[in-house]
Amino acid sequence: MRGKMNEHRESIIRVLTGEADELERERLLSRLEGDANLRAEFDRMQAVGQTLSGAEEPTFGPFFAARVMHRLNRERASSGSMYESLRWVFARVAVAGLVASVGLGVYNTVIASNAEIGNSAIESALGVPAENLETVYLLASE
């Protein structure tokens, strides 16, 4: 069935483009009278052909390359360089990292002062436990 439809399509195309001889044209017209599906296919292909024949040929027009290059240069100039874009992104990341580290330091200092983990502010900020005789002995014996 599929092979026969493809054969009919090729025949329809030859008839619509004027490449078919009179015998092929007559055979197709007789088939169209007896087959509604084939007739619908013929009408659809004929409508497509008429639409395409009335369409204008696509053209790029004069100075197409110059217009494209001008547009690319204009967009490149307006968007800035890659360095500027990356600098903008990483500046925000650096600020976020700084805020996070300061917040973590303050949090550890507050927790350490409540739990008396360390003796100095740096020990508190880093969360280092206060040394005692037992921890020093264990570290020295390893």
C-alpha atoms as a PDB file:
ATOM      1  CA  MET A   1       0.000   0.000   0.000  1.00  0.00           C
ATOM      2  CA  ARG A   2       2.781   2.396   0.973  1.00  0.00           C
ATOM      3  CA  GLY A   3       4.773   1.642  -2.183  1.00  0.00           C
ATOM      4  CA  LYS A   4       1.704   2.232  -4.324  1.00  0.00           C
ATOM      5  CA  MET A   5       1.047   5.584  -2.627  1.00  0.00           C
ATOM      6  CA  ASN A   6       4.641   6.655  -3.238  1.00  0.00           C
ATOM      7  CA  GLU A   7       4.254   5.660  -6.886  1.00  0.00           C
ATOM      8  CA  HIS A   8       1.061   7.708  -7.080  1.00  0.00           C
ATOM      9  CA  ARG A   9       2.787  10.682  -5.431  1.00  0.00           C
ATOM     10  CA  GLU A  10       5.596  10.569  -7.966  1.00  0.00           C
ATOM     11  CA  SER A  11       3.018  10.418 -10.731  1.00  0.00           C
ATOM     12  CA  ILE A  12       1.119  13.368  -9.209  1.00  0.00           C
ATOM     13  CA  ILE A  13       4.326  15.392  -8.999  1.00  0.00           C
ATOM     14  CA  ARG A  14       5.190  14.647 -12.640  1.00  0.00           C
ATOM     15  CA  VAL A  15       1.683  15.656 -13.754  1.00  0.00           C
ATOM     16  CA  LEU A  16       1.688  18.853 -11.682  1.00  0.00           C
ATOM     17  CA  THR A  17       5.149  19.882 -12.891  1.00  0.00           C
ATOM     18  CA  GLY A  18       4.308  19.065 -16.507  1.00  0.00           C
ATOM     19  CA  GLU A  19       6.900  16.299 -16.809  1.00  0.00           C
ATOM     20  CA  ALA A  20       4.327  13.505 -17.408  1.00  0.00           C
ATOM     21  CA  ASP A  21       3.351  12.401 -20.885  1.00  0.00           C
ATOM     22  CA  GLU A  22      -0.283  12.317 -22.009  1.00  0.00           C
ATOM     23  CA  LEU A  23      -0.721   8.590 -21.224  1.00  0.00           C
ATOM     24  CA  GLU A  24       0.508   8.976 -17.612  1.00  0.00           C
ATOM     25  CA  ARG A  25      -1.691  12.036 -17.184  1.00  0.00           C
ATOM     26  CA  GLU A  26      -4.788  10.144 -18.382  1.00  0.00           C
ATOM     27  CA  ARG A  27      -4.027   7.172 -16.108  1.00  0.00           C
ATOM     28  CA  LEU A  28      -3.708   9.448 -13.067  1.00  0.00           C
ATOM     29  CA  LEU A  29      -6.928  11.291 -13.848  1.00  0.00           C
ATOM     30  CA  SER A  30      -8.814   7.983 -14.134  1.00  0.00           C
ATOM     31  CA  ARG A  31      -7.358   6.818 -10.788  1.00  0.00           C
ATOM     32  CA  LEU A  32      -8.356  10.108  -9.170  1.00  0.00           C
ATOM     33  CA  GLU A  33     -12.007   9.546 -10.122  1.00  0.00           C
ATOM     34  CA  GLY A  34     -12.079   6.162  -8.353  1.00  0.00           C
ATOM     35  CA  ASP A  35      -9.981   6.851  -5.237  1.00  0.00           C
ATOM     36  CA  ALA A  36     -11.047   9.568  -2.763  1.00  0.00           C
ATOM     37  CA  ASN A  37      -7.795   9.347  -0.768  1.00  0.00           C
ATOM     38  CA  LEU A  38      -5.722   9.777  -3.900  1.00  0.00           C
ATOM     39  CA  ARG A  39      -7.937  12.693  -4.958  1.00  0.00           C
ATOM     40  CA  ALA A  40      -7.405  14.369  -1.555  1.00  0.00           C
ATOM     41  CA  GLU A  41      -3.637  13.870  -1.899  1.00  0.00           C
ATOM     42  CA  PHE A  42      -3.726  15.339  -5.410  1.00  0.00           C
ATOM     43  CA  ASP A  43      -5.713  18.391  -4.233  1.00  0.00           C
ATOM     44  CA  ARG A  44      -3.334  18.915  -1.306  1.00  0.00           C
ATOM     45  CA  MET A  45      -0.253  18.699  -3.495  1.00  0.00           C
ATOM     46  CA  GLN A  46      -1.829  20.993  -6.078  1.00  0.00           C
ATOM     47  CA  ALA A  47      -2.572  23.586  -3.366  1.00  0.00           C
ATOM     48  CA  VAL A  48       1.004  23.372  -2.104  1.00  0.00           C
ATOM     49  CA  GLY A  49       2.291  23.814  -5.641  1.00  0.00           C
ATOM     50  CA  GLN A  50       0.118  26.877  -6.188  1.00  0.00           C
ATOM     51  CA  THR A  51       1.244  28.361  -2.902  1.00  0.00           C
ATOM     52  CA  LEU A  52       4.891  27.822  -3.768  1.00  0.00           C
ATOM     53  CA  SER A  53       4.529  29.185  -7.279  1.00  0.00           C
ATOM     54  CA  GLY A  54       3.042  32.425  -5.936  1.00  0.00           C
ATOM     55  CA  ALA A  55       5.737  32.850  -3.300  1.00  0.00           C
ATOM     56  CA  GLU A  56       8.612  35.211  -3.854  1.00  0.00           C
ATOM     57  CA  GLU A  57      12.089  33.827  -4.218  1.00  0.00           C
ATOM     58  CA  PRO A  58      13.951  34.328  -0.935  1.00  0.00           C
ATOM     59  CA  THR A  59      16.811  36.724  -1.332  1.00  0.00           C
ATOM     60  CA  PHE A  60      19.391  38.192   0.948  1.00  0.00           C
ATOM     61  CA  GLY A  61      19.432  41.486  -0.881  1.00  0.00           C
ATOM     62  CA  PRO A  62      22.407  43.704  -1.532  1.00  0.00           C
ATOM     63  CA  PHE A  63      25.110  44.135   1.094  1.00  0.00           C
ATOM     64  CA  PHE A  64      23.857  41.189   3.147  1.00  0.00           C
ATOM     65  CA  ALA A  65      27.305  40.352   4.543  1.00  0.00           C
ATOM     66  CA  ALA A  66      27.924  43.972   5.501  1.00  0.00           C
ATOM     67  CA  ARG A  67      24.599  44.172   7.339  1.00  0.00           C
ATOM     68  CA  VAL A  68      25.295  40.955   9.234  1.00  0.00           C
ATOM     69  CA  MET A  69      28.784  42.078  10.242  1.00  0.00           C
ATOM     70  CA  HIS A  70      27.462  45.482  11.343  1.00  0.00           C
ATOM     71  CA  ARG A  71      24.827  43.824  13.521  1.00  0.00           C
ATOM     72  CA  LEU A  72      27.365  41.436  15.063  1.00  0.00           C
ATOM     73  CA  ASN A  73      29.750  44.297  15.830  1.00  0.00           C
ATOM     74  CA  ARG A  74      26.945  46.343  17.365  1.00  0.00           C
ATOM     75  CA  GLU A  75      25.880  43.447  19.608  1.00  0.00           C
ATOM     76  CA  ARG A  76      29.462  42.706  20.577  1.00  0.00           C
ATOM     77  CA  ALA A  77      30.029  46.345  21.529  1.00  0.00           C
ATOM     78  CA  SER A  78      26.832  46.573  23.568  1.00  0.00           C
ATOM     79  CA  SER A  79      27.387  43.324  25.478  1.00  0.00           C
ATOM     80  CA  GLY A  80      30.903  44.170  26.699  1.00  0.00           C
ATOM     81  CA  SER A  81      33.853  41.869  26.821  1.00  0.00           C
ATOM     82  CA  MET A  82      33.989  38.401  28.310  1.00  0.00           C
ATOM     83  CA  TYR A  83      36.407  39.705  30.941  1.00  0.00           C
ATOM     84  CA  GLU A  84      33.899  42.290  32.133  1.00  0.00           C
ATOM     85  CA  SER A  85      31.137  39.697  32.349  1.00  0.00           C
ATOM     86  CA  LEU A  86      33.256  37.282  34.369  1.00  0.00           C
ATOM     87  CA  ARG A  87      34.516  40.067  36.589  1.00  0.00           C
ATOM     88  CA  TRP A  88      30.951  41.096  37.379  1.00  0.00           C
ATOM     89  CA  VAL A  89      29.969  37.499  38.260  1.00  0.00           C
ATOM     90  CA  PHE A  90      33.033  36.734  40.372  1.00  0.00           C
ATOM     91  CA  ALA A  91      32.802  40.032  42.255  1.00  0.00           C
ATOM     92  CA  ARG A  92      29.365  38.934  43.482  1.00  0.00           C
ATOM     93  CA  VAL A  93      30.688  35.480  44.386  1.00  0.00           C
ATOM     94  CA  ALA A  94      33.594  37.019  46.320  1.00  0.00           C
ATOM     95  CA  VAL A  95      31.252  39.257  48.308  1.00  0.00           C
ATOM     96  CA  ALA A  96      28.987  36.295  49.083  1.00  0.00           C
ATOM     97  CA  GLY A  97      31.999  34.236  50.230  1.00  0.00           C
ATOM     98  CA  LEU A  98      33.226  37.049  52.448  1.00  0.00           C
ATOM     99  CA  VAL A  99      29.800  37.457  54.038  1.00  0.00           C
ATOM    100  CA  ALA A 100      29.558  33.701  54.615  1.00  0.00           C
ATOM    101  CA  SER A 101      33.005  33.478  56.233  1.00  0.00           C
ATOM    102  CA  VAL A 102      32.374  36.486  58.486  1.00  0.00           C
ATOM    103  CA  GLY A 103      29.006  35.033  59.471  1.00  0.00           C
ATOM    104  CA  LEU A 104      30.584  31.656  60.236  1.00  0.00           C
ATOM    105  CA  GLY A 105      33.299  33.343  62.312  1.00  0.00           C
ATOM    106  CA  VAL A 106      30.766  35.322  64.305  1.00  0.00           C
ATOM    107  CA  TYR A 107      28.625  32.225  64.810  1.00  0.00           C
ATOM    108  CA  ASN A 108      31.611  30.188  66.077  1.00  0.00           C
ATOM    109  CA  THR A 109      32.705  33.022  68.349  1.00  0.00           C
ATOM    110  CA  VAL A 110      29.270  33.323  69.903  1.00  0.00           C
ATOM    111  CA  ILE A 111      28.914  29.567  70.335  1.00  0.00           C
ATOM    112  CA  ALA A 112      32.454  29.297  71.730  1.00  0.00           C
ATOM    113  CA  SER A 113      31.937  32.068  74.238  1.00  0.00           C
ATOM    114  CA  ASN A 114      28.796  30.329  75.458  1.00  0.00           C
ATOM    115  CA  ALA A 115      30.431  26.889  75.603  1.00  0.00           C
ATOM    116  CA  GLU A 116      33.889  28.153  76.591  1.00  0.00           C
ATOM    117  CA  ILE A 117      35.582  26.171  73.832  1.00  0.00           C
ATOM    118  CA  GLY A 118      38.573  28.416  73.241  1.00  0.00           C
ATOM    119  CA  ASN A 119      40.629  30.963  75.051  1.00  0.00           C
ATOM    120  CA  SER A 120      41.135  33.531  72.274  1.00  0.00           C
ATOM    121  CA  ALA A 121      38.886  35.015  69.631  1.00  0.00           C
ATOM    122  CA  ILE A 122      40.732  33.144  66.846  1.00  0.00           C
ATOM    123  CA  GLU A 123      40.305  29.827  68.616  1.00  0.00           C
ATOM    124  CA  SER A 124      36.643  30.665  69.069  1.00  0.00           C
ATOM    125  CA  ALA A 125      36.204  31.749  65.427  1.00  0.00           C
ATOM    126  CA  LEU A 126      37.866  28.600  64.105  1.00  0.00           C
ATOM    127  CA  GLY A 127      36.116  26.350  66.596  1.00  0.00           C
ATOM    128  CA  VAL A 128      39.367  25.013  68.085  1.00  0.00           C
ATOM    129  CA  PRO A 129      38.799  23.403  71.460  1.00  0.00           C
ATOM    130  CA  ALA A 130      40.764  24.660  74.409  1.00  0.00           C
ATOM    131  CA  GLU A 131      43.861  22.588  75.132  1.00  0.00           C
ATOM    132  CA  ASN A 132      44.168  20.755  78.355  1.00  0.00           C
ATOM    133  CA  LEU A 133      46.718  18.330  79.706  1.00  0.00           C
ATOM    134  CA  GLU A 134      44.976  15.268  78.325  1.00  0.00           C
ATOM    135  CA  THR A 135      44.659  16.560  74.707  1.00  0.00           C
ATOM    136  CA  VAL A 136      48.288  17.767  74.705  1.00  0.00           C
ATOM    137  CA  TYR A 137      49.502  14.379  75.989  1.00  0.00           C
ATOM    138  CA  LEU A 138      47.465  12.520  73.335  1.00  0.00           C
ATOM    139  CA  LEU A 139      48.801  14.734  70.534  1.00  0.00           C
ATOM    140  CA  ALA A 140      52.405  14.416  71.772  1.00  0.00           C
ATOM    141  CA  SER A 141      52.274  10.633  72.059  1.00  0.00           C
ATOM    142  CA  GLU A 142      51.169  10.142  68.420  1.00  0.00           C
END
